[in-house]
């Protein structure tokens, strides 16, 4: 059983802005691969990998989603295990997007190392 202590959270990045604060899982929505919020089920193009503080498994995520929401977007335990395996490759703070969800295989892509932080520009 694969577990992780990190999951993507909804994030404003590039031209996309959000005020949502929820953890994300991959899904196919309208024929397009993207993240969806575990609580709301809304689609999100980007997620920032964050530290959870405790280990979670595919079964834990399925229980949080609920059977009806998971079934409506085609999320299975095998797909979530593939997702958790993919997450292990990335570092906390990385901005991710869902490259593809094909059956039970998930592919994630790093878009940026971290969210650009506004502030003072260091000049030489």
PDB file of N, CA and C in Angstrom:
ATOM      1  N   UNK A   1       0.843  -1.181   0.000  1.00  0.00           N
ATOM      2  CA  UNK A   1       0.000   0.000   0.000  1.00  0.00           C
ATOM      3  C   UNK A   1       0.888   1.243   0.000  1.00  0.00           C
ATOM      4  N   UNK A   2       0.645   2.117  -0.943  1.00  0.00           N
ATOM      5  CA  UNK A   2       1.404   3.359  -1.070  1.00  0.00           C
ATOM      6  C   UNK A   2       0.760   4.429  -0.200  1.00  0.00           C
ATOM      7  N   UNK A   3       1.598   5.159   0.549  1.00  0.00           N
ATOM      8  CA  UNK A   3       1.114   6.296   1.334  1.00  0.00           C
ATOM      9  C   UNK A   3       1.989   7.504   1.024  1.00  0.00           C
ATOM     10  N   UNK A   4       1.483   8.670   1.346  1.00  0.00           N
ATOM     11  CA  UNK A   4       2.236   9.903   1.150  1.00  0.00           C
ATOM     12  C   UNK A   4       1.892  10.882   2.267  1.00  0.00           C
ATOM     13  N   UNK A   5       2.782  11.843   2.464  1.00  0.00           N
ATOM     14  CA  UNK A   5       2.535  12.912   3.414  1.00  0.00           C
ATOM     15  C   UNK A   5       2.410  14.251   2.692  1.00  0.00           C
ATOM     16  N   UNK A   6       2.198  14.191   1.367  1.00  0.00           N
ATOM     17  CA  UNK A   6       2.040  15.426   0.605  1.00  0.00           C
ATOM     18  C   UNK A   6       0.950  15.253  -0.452  1.00  0.00           C
ATOM     19  N   UNK A   7       0.187  16.342  -0.668  1.00  0.00           N
ATOM     20  CA  UNK A   7      -0.867  16.384  -1.680  1.00  0.00           C
ATOM     21  C   UNK A   7      -0.924  17.786  -2.263  1.00  0.00           C
ATOM     22  N   UNK A   8      -1.340  17.910  -3.526  1.00  0.00           N
ATOM     23  CA  UNK A   8      -1.513  19.245  -4.097  1.00  0.00           C
ATOM     24  C   UNK A   8      -2.722  19.951  -3.490  1.00  0.00           C
ATOM     25  N   UNK A   9      -2.617  21.248  -3.382  1.00  0.00           N
ATOM     26  CA  UNK A   9      -3.698  22.096  -2.916  1.00  0.00           C
ATOM     27  C   UNK A   9      -3.978  23.123  -4.012  1.00  0.00           C
ATOM     28  N   UNK A  10      -5.227  23.568  -4.127  1.00  0.00           N
ATOM     29  CA  UNK A  10      -5.610  24.553  -5.145  1.00  0.00           C
ATOM     30  C   UNK A  10      -4.755  25.804  -4.991  1.00  0.00           C
ATOM     31  N   UNK A  11      -4.323  26.346  -6.133  1.00  0.00           N
ATOM     32  CA  UNK A  11      -3.420  27.490  -6.104  1.00  0.00           C
ATOM     33  C   UNK A  11      -3.691  28.406  -7.295  1.00  0.00           C
ATOM     34  N   UNK A  12      -3.527  29.715  -7.062  1.00  0.00           N
ATOM     35  CA  UNK A  12      -3.588  30.675  -8.162  1.00  0.00           C
ATOM     36  C   UNK A  12      -2.223  30.679  -8.820  1.00  0.00           C
ATOM     37  N   UNK A  13      -2.214  30.496 -10.143  1.00  0.00           N
ATOM     38  CA  UNK A  13      -0.940  30.452 -10.868  1.00  0.00           C
ATOM     39  C   UNK A  13      -1.193  30.882 -12.300  1.00  0.00           C
ATOM     40  N   UNK A  14      -0.233  31.601 -12.872  1.00  0.00           N
ATOM     41  CA  UNK A  14      -0.325  32.107 -14.238  1.00  0.00           C
ATOM     42  C   UNK A  14      -1.616  32.918 -14.357  1.00  0.00           C
ATOM     43  N   UNK A  15      -2.438  32.625 -15.362  1.00  0.00           N
ATOM     44  CA  UNK A  15      -3.669  33.392 -15.574  1.00  0.00           C
ATOM     45  C   UNK A  15      -4.840  32.882 -14.745  1.00  0.00           C
ATOM     46  N   UNK A  16      -4.650  31.771 -14.022  1.00  0.00           N
ATOM     47  CA  UNK A  16      -5.730  31.187 -13.233  1.00  0.00           C
ATOM     48  C   UNK A  16      -5.672  31.690 -11.801  1.00  0.00           C
ATOM     49  N   UNK A  17      -6.815  32.177 -11.281  1.00  0.00           N
ATOM     50  CA  UNK A  17      -6.878  32.614  -9.889  1.00  0.00           C
ATOM     51  C   UNK A  17      -7.998  31.874  -9.166  1.00  0.00           C
ATOM     52  N   UNK A  18      -7.772  31.594  -7.903  1.00  0.00           N
ATOM     53  CA  UNK A  18      -8.766  30.918  -7.079  1.00  0.00           C
ATOM     54  C   UNK A  18      -8.599  31.345  -5.635  1.00  0.00           C
ATOM     55  N   UNK A  19      -9.710  31.284  -4.915  1.00  0.00           N
ATOM     56  CA  UNK A  19      -9.649  31.527  -3.477  1.00  0.00           C
ATOM     57  C   UNK A  19      -9.916  30.222  -2.731  1.00  0.00           C
ATOM     58  N   UNK A  20     -10.068  29.135  -3.480  1.00  0.00           N
ATOM     59  CA  UNK A  20     -10.345  27.830  -2.873  1.00  0.00           C
ATOM     60  C   UNK A  20      -9.144  27.354  -2.061  1.00  0.00           C
ATOM     61  N   UNK A  21      -9.449  26.613  -1.023  1.00  0.00           N
ATOM     62  CA  UNK A  21      -8.417  26.067  -0.161  1.00  0.00           C
ATOM     63  C   UNK A  21      -8.759  24.599   0.096  1.00  0.00           C
ATOM     64  N   UNK A  22      -8.423  23.759  -0.882  1.00  0.00           N
ATOM     65  CA  UNK A  22      -8.745  22.342  -0.732  1.00  0.00           C
ATOM     66  C   UNK A  22      -7.726  21.475  -1.450  1.00  0.00           C
ATOM     67  N   UNK A  23      -7.652  20.232  -1.014  1.00  0.00           N
ATOM     68  CA  UNK A  23      -6.738  19.275  -1.612  1.00  0.00           C
ATOM     69  C   UNK A  23      -7.313  18.752  -2.926  1.00  0.00           C
ATOM     70  N   UNK A  24      -6.407  18.330  -3.813  1.00  0.00           N
ATOM     71  CA  UNK A  24      -6.790  17.980  -5.173  1.00  0.00           C
ATOM     72  C   UNK A  24      -6.438  16.542  -5.537  1.00  0.00           C
ATOM     73  N   UNK A  25      -7.248  15.964  -6.429  1.00  0.00           N
ATOM     74  CA  UNK A  25      -6.982  14.653  -7.019  1.00  0.00           C
ATOM     75  C   UNK A  25      -7.189  14.783  -8.527  1.00  0.00           C
ATOM     76  N   UNK A  26      -6.538  13.935  -9.321  1.00  0.00           N
ATOM     77  CA  UNK A  26      -6.696  14.024 -10.774  1.00  0.00           C
ATOM     78  C   UNK A  26      -7.980  13.348 -11.239  1.00  0.00           C
ATOM     79  N   UNK A  27      -8.515  13.843 -12.354  1.00  0.00           N
ATOM     80  CA  UNK A  27      -9.719  13.254 -12.952  1.00  0.00           C
ATOM     81  C   UNK A  27      -9.824  13.711 -14.395  1.00  0.00           C
ATOM     82  N   UNK A  28     -10.691  13.062 -15.150  1.00  0.00           N
ATOM     83  CA  UNK A  28     -11.061  13.517 -16.490  1.00  0.00           C
ATOM     84  C   UNK A  28     -12.411  14.195 -16.377  1.00  0.00           C
ATOM     85  N   UNK A  29     -12.450  15.481 -16.673  1.00  0.00           N
ATOM     86  CA  UNK A  29     -13.691  16.247 -16.606  1.00  0.00           C
ATOM     87  C   UNK A  29     -13.973  16.785 -17.996  1.00  0.00           C
ATOM     88  N   UNK A  30     -15.055  16.338 -18.574  1.00  0.00           N
ATOM     89  CA  UNK A  30     -15.406  16.780 -19.926  1.00  0.00           C
ATOM     90  C   UNK A  30     -14.366  16.374 -20.960  1.00  0.00           C
ATOM     91  N   UNK A  31     -13.745  15.219 -20.763  1.00  0.00           N
ATOM     92  CA  UNK A  31     -12.730  14.739 -21.699  1.00  0.00           C
ATOM     93  C   UNK A  31     -11.365  15.380 -21.532  1.00  0.00           C
ATOM     94  N   UNK A  32     -11.202  16.216 -20.506  1.00  0.00           N
ATOM     95  CA  UNK A  32      -9.932  16.900 -20.271  1.00  0.00           C
ATOM     96  C   UNK A  32      -9.374  16.495 -18.910  1.00  0.00           C
ATOM     97  N   UNK A  33      -8.081  16.181 -18.859  1.00  0.00           N
ATOM     98  CA  UNK A  33      -7.425  15.821 -17.599  1.00  0.00           C
ATOM     99  C   UNK A  33      -7.140  17.074 -16.787  1.00  0.00           C
ATOM    100  N   UNK A  34      -7.522  17.051 -15.512  1.00  0.00           N
ATOM    101  CA  UNK A  34      -7.281  18.182 -14.618  1.00  0.00           C
ATOM    102  C   UNK A  34      -7.357  17.677 -13.179  1.00  0.00           C
ATOM    103  N   UNK A  35      -7.094  18.568 -12.249  1.00  0.00           N
ATOM    104  CA  UNK A  35      -7.317  18.265 -10.837  1.00  0.00           C
ATOM    105  C   UNK A  35      -8.768  18.602 -10.516  1.00  0.00           C
ATOM    106  N   UNK A  36      -9.332  17.923  -9.513  1.00  0.00           N
ATOM    107  CA  UNK A  36     -10.617  18.327  -8.941  1.00  0.00           C
ATOM    108  C   UNK A  36     -10.453  18.415  -7.434  1.00  0.00           C
ATOM    109  N   UNK A  37     -11.228  19.314  -6.825  1.00  0.00           N
ATOM    110  CA  UNK A  37     -11.183  19.468  -5.378  1.00  0.00           C
ATOM    111  C   UNK A  37     -11.851  18.307  -4.685  1.00  0.00           C
ATOM    112  N   UNK A  38     -11.232  17.814  -3.619  1.00  0.00           N
ATOM    113  CA  UNK A  38     -11.791  16.695  -2.878  1.00  0.00           C
ATOM    114  C   UNK A  38     -13.122  17.091  -2.236  1.00  0.00           C
ATOM    115  N   UNK A  39     -13.230  18.320  -1.718  1.00  0.00           N
ATOM    116  CA  UNK A  39     -14.471  18.758  -1.079  1.00  0.00           C
ATOM    117  C   UNK A  39     -15.527  19.184  -2.097  1.00  0.00           C
ATOM    118  N   UNK A  40     -15.140  20.037  -3.037  1.00  0.00           N
ATOM    119  CA  UNK A  40     -16.122  20.653  -3.927  1.00  0.00           C
ATOM    120  C   UNK A  40     -16.358  19.894  -5.232  1.00  0.00           C
ATOM    121  N   UNK A  41     -15.347  19.162  -5.706  1.00  0.00           N
ATOM    122  CA  UNK A  41     -15.462  18.501  -6.999  1.00  0.00           C
ATOM    123  C   UNK A  41     -15.224  19.439  -8.175  1.00  0.00           C
ATOM    124  N   UNK A  42     -14.862  20.694  -7.898  1.00  0.00           N
ATOM    125  CA  UNK A  42     -14.605  21.678  -8.960  1.00  0.00           C
ATOM    126  C   UNK A  42     -13.264  21.391  -9.628  1.00  0.00           C
ATOM    127  N   UNK A  43     -13.172  21.660 -10.942  1.00  0.00           N
ATOM    128  CA  UNK A  43     -11.893  21.448 -11.641  1.00  0.00           C
ATOM    129  C   UNK A  43     -10.902  22.588 -11.375  1.00  0.00           C
ATOM    130  N   UNK A  44      -9.616  22.215 -11.302  1.00  0.00           N
ATOM    131  CA  UNK A  44      -8.526  23.171 -11.114  1.00  0.00           C
ATOM    132  C   UNK A  44      -7.384  22.788 -12.049  1.00  0.00           C
ATOM    133  N   UNK A  45      -6.769  23.758 -12.751  1.00  0.00           N
ATOM    134  CA  UNK A  45      -5.671  23.422 -13.658  1.00  0.00           C
ATOM    135  C   UNK A  45      -4.334  23.194 -12.953  1.00  0.00           C
ATOM    136  N   UNK A  46      -4.141  23.822 -11.786  1.00  0.00           N
ATOM    137  CA  UNK A  46      -2.851  23.747 -11.095  1.00  0.00           C
ATOM    138  C   UNK A  46      -3.027  23.368  -9.632  1.00  0.00           C
ATOM    139  N   UNK A  47      -1.972  22.750  -9.085  1.00  0.00           N
ATOM    140  CA  UNK A  47      -1.930  22.445  -7.671  1.00  0.00           C
ATOM    141  C   UNK A  47      -0.519  22.627  -7.157  1.00  0.00           C
ATOM    142  N   UNK A  48      -0.391  23.155  -5.939  1.00  0.00           N
ATOM    143  CA  UNK A  48       0.916  23.311  -5.293  1.00  0.00           C
ATOM    144  C   UNK A  48       1.070  22.184  -4.283  1.00  0.00           C
ATOM    145  N   UNK A  49       2.146  21.444  -4.386  1.00  0.00           N
ATOM    146  CA  UNK A  49       2.372  20.294  -3.513  1.00  0.00           C
ATOM    147  C   UNK A  49       2.678  20.777  -2.097  1.00  0.00           C
ATOM    148  N   UNK A  50       1.876  20.321  -1.132  1.00  0.00           N
ATOM    149  CA  UNK A  50       2.015  20.752   0.254  1.00  0.00           C
ATOM    150  C   UNK A  50       2.192  19.561   1.189  1.00  0.00           C
ATOM    151  N   UNK A  51       2.738  19.842   2.354  1.00  0.00           N
ATOM    152  CA  UNK A  51       2.963  18.823   3.378  1.00  0.00           C
ATOM    153  C   UNK A  51       1.700  18.662   4.208  1.00  0.00           C
ATOM    154  N   UNK A  52       1.261  17.415   4.395  1.00  0.00           N
ATOM    155  CA  UNK A  52       0.037  17.134   5.146  1.00  0.00           C
ATOM    156  C   UNK A  52       0.269  16.991   6.643  1.00  0.00           C
ATOM    157  N   UNK A  53       1.404  16.441   7.033  1.00  0.00           N
ATOM    158  CA  UNK A  53       1.672  16.207   8.443  1.00  0.00           C
ATOM    159  C   UNK A  53       1.326  14.802   8.900  1.00  0.00           C
ATOM    160  N   UNK A  54       0.628  14.053   8.067  1.00  0.00           N
ATOM    161  CA  UNK A  54       0.322  12.655   8.378  1.00  0.00           C
ATOM    162  C   UNK A  54       0.228  11.884   7.070  1.00  0.00           C
ATOM    163  N   UNK A  55       0.426  10.593   7.153  1.00  0.00           N
ATOM    164  CA  UNK A  55       0.365   9.756   5.959  1.00  0.00           C
ATOM    165  C   UNK A  55      -1.072   9.494   5.555  1.00  0.00           C
ATOM    166  N   UNK A  56      -1.319   9.543   4.236  1.00  0.00           N
ATOM    167  CA  UNK A  56      -2.630   9.180   3.695  1.00  0.00           C
ATOM    168  C   UNK A  56      -2.422   8.146   2.591  1.00  0.00           C
ATOM    169  N   UNK A  57      -3.407   7.277   2.439  1.00  0.00           N
ATOM    170  CA  UNK A  57      -3.366   6.239   1.406  1.00  0.00           C
ATOM    171  C   UNK A  57      -4.470   6.508   0.386  1.00  0.00           C
ATOM    172  N   UNK A  58      -4.467   5.714  -0.672  1.00  0.00           N
ATOM    173  CA  UNK A  58      -5.512   5.817  -1.691  1.00  0.00           C
ATOM    174  C   UNK A  58      -6.882   5.580  -1.053  1.00  0.00           C
ATOM    175  N   UNK A  59      -6.958   4.635  -0.136  1.00  0.00           N
ATOM    176  CA  UNK A  59      -8.229   4.334   0.539  1.00  0.00           C
ATOM    177  C   UNK A  59      -8.719   5.530   1.351  1.00  0.00           C
ATOM    178  N   UNK A  60      -7.812   6.232   2.037  1.00  0.00           N
ATOM    179  CA  UNK A  60      -8.185   7.422   2.804  1.00  0.00           C
ATOM    180  C   UNK A  60      -8.785   8.495   1.890  1.00  0.00           C
ATOM    181  N   UNK A  61      -8.167   8.698   0.733  1.00  0.00           N
ATOM    182  CA  UNK A  61      -8.647   9.706  -0.219  1.00  0.00           C
ATOM    183  C   UNK A  61     -10.013   9.312  -0.763  1.00  0.00           C
ATOM    184  N   UNK A  62     -10.188   8.029  -1.096  1.00  0.00           N
ATOM    185  CA  UNK A  62     -11.493   7.553  -1.581  1.00  0.00           C
ATOM    186  C   UNK A  62     -12.589   7.788  -0.554  1.00  0.00           C
ATOM    187  N   UNK A  63     -12.286   7.557   0.714  1.00  0.00           N
ATOM    188  CA  UNK A  63     -13.270   7.773   1.772  1.00  0.00           C
ATOM    189  C   UNK A  63     -13.631   9.250   1.891  1.00  0.00           C
ATOM    190  N   UNK A  64     -12.647  10.139   1.756  1.00  0.00           N
ATOM    191  CA  UNK A  64     -12.899  11.582   1.804  1.00  0.00           C
ATOM    192  C   UNK A  64     -13.763  12.026   0.624  1.00  0.00           C
ATOM    193  N   UNK A  65     -13.475  11.473  -0.557  1.00  0.00           N
ATOM    194  CA  UNK A  65     -14.237  11.836  -1.760  1.00  0.00           C
ATOM    195  C   UNK A  65     -15.686  11.382  -1.663  1.00  0.00           C
ATOM    196  N   UNK A  66     -15.879  10.202  -1.153  1.00  0.00           N
ATOM    197  CA  UNK A  66     -17.210   9.609  -1.142  1.00  0.00           C
ATOM    198  C   UNK A  66     -17.408   8.788  -2.402  1.00  0.00           C
ATOM    199  N   UNK A  67     -18.136   7.709  -2.289  1.00  0.00           N
ATOM    200  CA  UNK A  67     -18.310   6.765  -3.405  1.00  0.00           C
ATOM    201  C   UNK A  67     -18.991   7.401  -4.600  1.00  0.00           C
ATOM    202  N   UNK A  68     -20.016   8.223  -4.367  1.00  0.00           N
ATOM    203  CA  UNK A  68     -20.763   8.790  -5.500  1.00  0.00           C
ATOM    204  C   UNK A  68     -19.924   9.792  -6.290  1.00  0.00           C
ATOM    205  N   UNK A  69     -19.161  10.657  -5.608  1.00  0.00           N
ATOM    206  CA  UNK A  69     -18.332  11.636  -6.304  1.00  0.00           C
ATOM    207  C   UNK A  69     -17.205  10.934  -7.053  1.00  0.00           C
ATOM    208  N   UNK A  70     -16.576   9.938  -6.431  1.00  0.00           N
ATOM    209  CA  UNK A  70     -15.483   9.201  -7.069  1.00  0.00           C
ATOM    210  C   UNK A  70     -15.984   8.482  -8.320  1.00  0.00           C
ATOM    211  N   UNK A  71     -17.142   7.850  -8.234  1.00  0.00           N
ATOM    212  CA  UNK A  71     -17.694   7.122  -9.375  1.00  0.00           C
ATOM    213  C   UNK A  71     -18.085   8.073 -10.498  1.00  0.00           C
ATOM    214  N   UNK A  72     -18.586   9.268 -10.165  1.00  0.00           N
ATOM    215  CA  UNK A  72     -19.056  10.200 -11.199  1.00  0.00           C
ATOM    216  C   UNK A  72     -17.916  10.742 -12.059  1.00  0.00           C
ATOM    217  N   UNK A  73     -16.701  10.778 -11.534  1.00  0.00           N
ATOM    218  CA  UNK A  73     -15.556  11.270 -12.318  1.00  0.00           C
ATOM    219  C   UNK A  73     -14.555  10.163 -12.632  1.00  0.00           C
ATOM    220  N   UNK A  74     -14.913   8.929 -12.351  1.00  0.00           N
ATOM    221  CA  UNK A  74     -14.091   7.779 -12.734  1.00  0.00           C
ATOM    222  C   UNK A  74     -12.831   7.584 -11.921  1.00  0.00           C
ATOM    223  N   UNK A  75     -12.883   7.908 -10.630  1.00  0.00           N
ATOM    224  CA  UNK A  75     -11.716   7.740  -9.773  1.00  0.00           C
ATOM    225  C   UNK A  75     -11.785   6.374  -9.094  1.00  0.00           C
ATOM    226  N   UNK A  76     -10.715   5.601  -9.239  1.00  0.00           N
ATOM    227  CA  UNK A  76     -10.640   4.281  -8.625  1.00  0.00           C
ATOM    228  C   UNK A  76      -9.448   4.218  -7.670  1.00  0.00           C
ATOM    229  N   UNK A  77      -9.423   3.193  -6.839  1.00  0.00           N
ATOM    230  CA  UNK A  77      -8.306   3.009  -5.905  1.00  0.00           C
ATOM    231  C   UNK A  77      -6.996   2.824  -6.663  1.00  0.00           C
ATOM    232  N   UNK A  78      -7.014   2.071  -7.768  1.00  0.00           N
ATOM    233  CA  UNK A  78      -5.804   1.844  -8.564  1.00  0.00           C
ATOM    234  C   UNK A  78      -5.282   3.154  -9.156  1.00  0.00           C
ATOM    235  N   UNK A  79      -6.201   4.016  -9.605  1.00  0.00           N
ATOM    236  CA  UNK A  79      -5.810   5.307 -10.172  1.00  0.00           C
ATOM    237  C   UNK A  79      -5.191   6.186  -9.093  1.00  0.00           C
ATOM    238  N   UNK A  80      -5.760   6.165  -7.896  1.00  0.00           N
ATOM    239  CA  UNK A  80      -5.208   6.966  -6.805  1.00  0.00           C
ATOM    240  C   UNK A  80      -3.843   6.444  -6.359  1.00  0.00           C
ATOM    241  N   UNK A  81      -3.627   5.131  -6.425  1.00  0.00           N
ATOM    242  CA  UNK A  81      -2.311   4.585  -6.097  1.00  0.00           C
ATOM    243  C   UNK A  81      -1.274   5.041  -7.121  1.00  0.00           C
ATOM    244  N   UNK A  82      -1.654   5.094  -8.388  1.00  0.00           N
ATOM    245  CA  UNK A  82      -0.764   5.614  -9.433  1.00  0.00           C
ATOM    246  C   UNK A  82      -0.450   7.091  -9.162  1.00  0.00           C
ATOM    247  N   UNK A  83      -1.464   7.838  -8.752  1.00  0.00           N
ATOM    248  CA  UNK A  83      -1.326   9.254  -8.414  1.00  0.00           C
ATOM    249  C   UNK A  83      -0.341   9.450  -7.254  1.00  0.00           C
ATOM    250  N   UNK A  84      -0.489   8.659  -6.193  1.00  0.00           N
ATOM    251  CA  UNK A  84       0.409   8.774  -5.046  1.00  0.00           C
ATOM    252  C   UNK A  84       1.842   8.425  -5.427  1.00  0.00           C
ATOM    253  N   UNK A  85       2.001   7.458  -6.324  1.00  0.00           N
ATOM    254  CA  UNK A  85       3.333   7.109  -6.812  1.00  0.00           C
ATOM    255  C   UNK A  85       3.935   8.277  -7.600  1.00  0.00           C
ATOM    256  N   UNK A  86       3.144   8.919  -8.447  1.00  0.00           N
ATOM    257  CA  UNK A  86       3.616  10.068  -9.227  1.00  0.00           C
ATOM    258  C   UNK A  86       4.018  11.222  -8.320  1.00  0.00           C
ATOM    259  N   UNK A  87       3.247  11.480  -7.279  1.00  0.00           N
ATOM    260  CA  UNK A  87       3.532  12.584  -6.348  1.00  0.00           C
ATOM    261  C   UNK A  87       4.894  12.405  -5.686  1.00  0.00           C
ATOM    262  N   UNK A  88       5.291  11.167  -5.440  1.00  0.00           N
ATOM    263  CA  UNK A  88       6.551  10.906  -4.736  1.00  0.00           C
ATOM    264  C   UNK A  88       7.770  11.443  -5.479  1.00  0.00           C
ATOM    265  N   UNK A  89       7.642  11.685  -6.767  1.00  0.00           N
ATOM    266  CA  UNK A  89       8.754  12.178  -7.583  1.00  0.00           C
ATOM    267  C   UNK A  89       8.996  13.669  -7.365  1.00  0.00           C
ATOM    268  N   UNK A  90       7.960  14.394  -6.953  1.00  0.00           N
ATOM    269  CA  UNK A  90       8.040  15.851  -6.863  1.00  0.00           C
ATOM    270  C   UNK A  90       8.320  16.320  -5.435  1.00  0.00           C
ATOM    271  N   UNK A  91       8.765  17.583  -5.333  1.00  0.00           N
ATOM    272  CA  UNK A  91       9.106  18.178  -4.042  1.00  0.00           C
ATOM    273  C   UNK A  91       7.990  19.102  -3.571  1.00  0.00           C
ATOM    274  N   UNK A  92       7.921  19.282  -2.269  1.00  0.00           N
ATOM    275  CA  UNK A  92       6.953  20.206  -1.690  1.00  0.00           C
ATOM    276  C   UNK A  92       7.219  21.603  -2.250  1.00  0.00           C
ATOM    277  N   UNK A  93       6.151  22.272  -2.668  1.00  0.00           N
ATOM    278  CA  UNK A  93       6.253  23.602  -3.258  1.00  0.00           C
ATOM    279  C   UNK A  93       6.144  23.590  -4.769  1.00  0.00           C
ATOM    280  N   UNK A  94       6.405  22.439  -5.413  1.00  0.00           N
ATOM    281  CA  UNK A  94       6.291  22.353  -6.868  1.00  0.00           C
ATOM    282  C   UNK A  94       4.859  22.630  -7.308  1.00  0.00           C
ATOM    283  N   UNK A  95       4.724  23.348  -8.415  1.00  0.00           N
ATOM    284  CA  UNK A  95       3.417  23.596  -9.031  1.00  0.00           C
ATOM    285  C   UNK A  95       3.222  22.517 -10.083  1.00  0.00           C
ATOM    286  N   UNK A  96       2.114  21.774  -9.952  1.00  0.00           N
ATOM    287  CA  UNK A  96       1.852  20.634 -10.827  1.00  0.00           C
ATOM    288  C   UNK A  96       0.590  20.833 -11.649  1.00  0.00           C
ATOM    289  N   UNK A  97       0.529  20.132 -12.764  1.00  0.00           N
ATOM    290  CA  UNK A  97      -0.673  20.028 -13.562  1.00  0.00           C
ATOM    291  C   UNK A  97      -0.830  18.568 -13.962  1.00  0.00           C
ATOM    292  N   UNK A  98      -2.039  18.170 -14.301  1.00  0.00           N
ATOM    293  CA  UNK A  98      -2.290  16.792 -14.710  1.00  0.00           C
ATOM    294  C   UNK A  98      -2.019  16.688 -16.196  1.00  0.00           C
ATOM    295  N   UNK A  99      -1.018  15.913 -16.555  1.00  0.00           N
ATOM    296  CA  UNK A  99      -0.686  15.717 -17.964  1.00  0.00           C
ATOM    297  C   UNK A  99      -1.686  14.770 -18.615  1.00  0.00           C
ATOM    298  N   UNK A 100      -1.999  13.666 -17.932  1.00  0.00           N
ATOM    299  CA  UNK A 100      -2.991  12.731 -18.473  1.00  0.00           C
ATOM    300  C   UNK A 100      -3.504  11.790 -17.393  1.00  0.00           C
ATOM    301  N   UNK A 101      -4.742  11.359 -17.590  1.00  0.00           N
ATOM    302  CA  UNK A 101      -5.350  10.306 -16.789  1.00  0.00           C
ATOM    303  C   UNK A 101      -5.897   9.310 -17.793  1.00  0.00           C
ATOM    304  N   UNK A 102      -5.260   8.157 -17.871  1.00  0.00           N
ATOM    305  CA  UNK A 102      -5.656   7.138 -18.842  1.00  0.00           C
ATOM    306  C   UNK A 102      -5.925   5.836 -18.097  1.00  0.00           C
ATOM    307  N   UNK A 103      -7.202   5.508 -17.926  1.00  0.00           N
ATOM    308  CA  UNK A 103      -7.550   4.320 -17.155  1.00  0.00           C
ATOM    309  C   UNK A 103      -7.132   4.516 -15.713  1.00  0.00           C
ATOM    310  N   UNK A 104      -6.222   3.682 -15.231  1.00  0.00           N
ATOM    311  CA  UNK A 104      -5.752   3.821 -13.852  1.00  0.00           C
ATOM    312  C   UNK A 104      -4.339   4.401 -13.784  1.00  0.00           C
ATOM    313  N   UNK A 105      -3.858   4.969 -14.896  1.00  0.00           N
ATOM    314  CA  UNK A 105      -2.509   5.542 -14.938  1.00  0.00           C
ATOM    315  C   UNK A 105      -2.598   7.070 -14.959  1.00  0.00           C
ATOM    316  N   UNK A 106      -1.913   7.692 -14.011  1.00  0.00           N
ATOM    317  CA  UNK A 106      -1.898   9.149 -13.888  1.00  0.00           C
ATOM    318  C   UNK A 106      -0.501   9.660 -14.205  1.00  0.00           C
ATOM    319  N   UNK A 107      -0.419  10.726 -14.982  1.00  0.00           N
ATOM    320  CA  UNK A 107       0.852  11.382 -15.274  1.00  0.00           C
ATOM    321  C   UNK A 107       0.726  12.851 -14.879  1.00  0.00           C
ATOM    322  N   UNK A 108       1.644  13.300 -14.018  1.00  0.00           N
ATOM    323  CA  UNK A 108       1.682  14.686 -13.584  1.00  0.00           C
ATOM    324  C   UNK A 108       2.872  15.381 -14.222  1.00  0.00           C
ATOM    325  N   UNK A 109       2.776  16.700 -14.334  1.00  0.00           N
ATOM    326  CA  UNK A 109       3.854  17.483 -14.935  1.00  0.00           C
ATOM    327  C   UNK A 109       4.153  18.681 -14.036  1.00  0.00           C
ATOM    328  N   UNK A 110       5.436  18.918 -13.791  1.00  0.00           N
ATOM    329  CA  UNK A 110       5.841  20.085 -13.001  1.00  0.00           C
ATOM    330  C   UNK A 110       5.829  21.302 -13.910  1.00  0.00           C
ATOM    331  N   UNK A 111       5.103  22.345 -13.498  1.00  0.00           N
ATOM    332  CA  UNK A 111       5.003  23.572 -14.267  1.00  0.00           C
ATOM    333  C   UNK A 111       6.009  24.599 -13.759  1.00  0.00           C
ATOM    334  N   UNK A 112       6.246  24.598 -12.442  1.00  0.00           N
ATOM    335  CA  UNK A 112       7.195  25.536 -11.837  1.00  0.00           C
ATOM    336  C   UNK A 112       7.724  24.933 -10.540  1.00  0.00           C
ATOM    337  N   UNK A 113       8.887  25.420 -10.108  1.00  0.00           N
ATOM    338  CA  UNK A 113       9.467  24.936  -8.862  1.00  0.00           C
ATOM    339  C   UNK A 113       8.652  25.372  -7.657  1.00  0.00           C
ATOM    340  N   UNK A 114       8.162  26.615  -7.687  1.00  0.00           N
ATOM    341  CA  UNK A 114       7.338  27.127  -6.600  1.00  0.00           C
ATOM    342  C   UNK A 114       6.608  28.367  -7.086  1.00  0.00           C
ATOM    343  N   UNK A 115       5.646  28.818  -6.284  1.00  0.00           N
ATOM    344  CA  UNK A 115       4.890  30.016  -6.630  1.00  0.00           C
ATOM    345  C   UNK A 115       5.827  31.218  -6.563  1.00  0.00           C
ATOM    346  N   UNK A 116       5.852  32.043  -7.617  1.00  0.00           N
ATOM    347  CA  UNK A 116       6.683  33.247  -7.547  1.00  0.00           C
ATOM    348  C   UNK A 116       6.186  34.157  -6.424  1.00  0.00           C
ATOM    349  N   UNK A 117       7.095  34.600  -5.610  1.00  0.00           N
ATOM    350  CA  UNK A 117       6.743  35.445  -4.479  1.00  0.00           C
ATOM    351  C   UNK A 117       7.046  36.876  -4.854  1.00  0.00           C
ATOM    352  N   UNK A 118       6.052  37.752  -4.704  1.00  0.00           N
ATOM    353  CA  UNK A 118       6.256  39.169  -4.988  1.00  0.00           C
ATOM    354  C   UNK A 118       7.178  39.775  -3.956  1.00  0.00           C
ATOM    355  N   UNK A 119       7.734  40.882  -4.288  1.00  0.00           N
ATOM    356  CA  UNK A 119       8.618  41.530  -3.329  1.00  0.00           C
ATOM    357  C   UNK A 119       9.743  42.236  -4.025  1.00  0.00           C
ATOM    358  N   UNK A 120      10.742  42.503  -3.276  1.00  0.00           N
ATOM    359  CA  UNK A 120      11.871  43.274  -3.755  1.00  0.00           C
ATOM    360  C   UNK A 120      12.701  42.486  -4.762  1.00  0.00           C
ATOM    361  N   UNK A 121      13.082  43.129  -5.834  1.00  0.00           N
ATOM    362  CA  UNK A 121      13.958  42.524  -6.830  1.00  0.00           C
ATOM    363  C   UNK A 121      15.391  42.828  -6.437  1.00  0.00           C
ATOM    364  N   UNK A 122      16.222  41.808  -6.363  1.00  0.00           N
ATOM    365  CA  UNK A 122      17.628  42.014  -6.019  1.00  0.00           C
ATOM    366  C   UNK A 122      18.396  42.481  -7.243  1.00  0.00           C
ATOM    367  N   UNK A 123      18.888  43.684  -7.196  1.00  0.00           N
ATOM    368  CA  UNK A 123      19.667  44.248  -8.296  1.00  0.00           C
ATOM    369  C   UNK A 123      21.158  44.137  -7.971  1.00  0.00           C
ATOM    370  N   UNK A 124      21.968  44.009  -9.013  1.00  0.00           N
ATOM    371  CA  UNK A 124      23.411  43.921  -8.751  1.00  0.00           C
ATOM    372  C   UNK A 124      24.006  45.212  -8.226  1.00  0.00           C
TER     373      UNK A 124
END
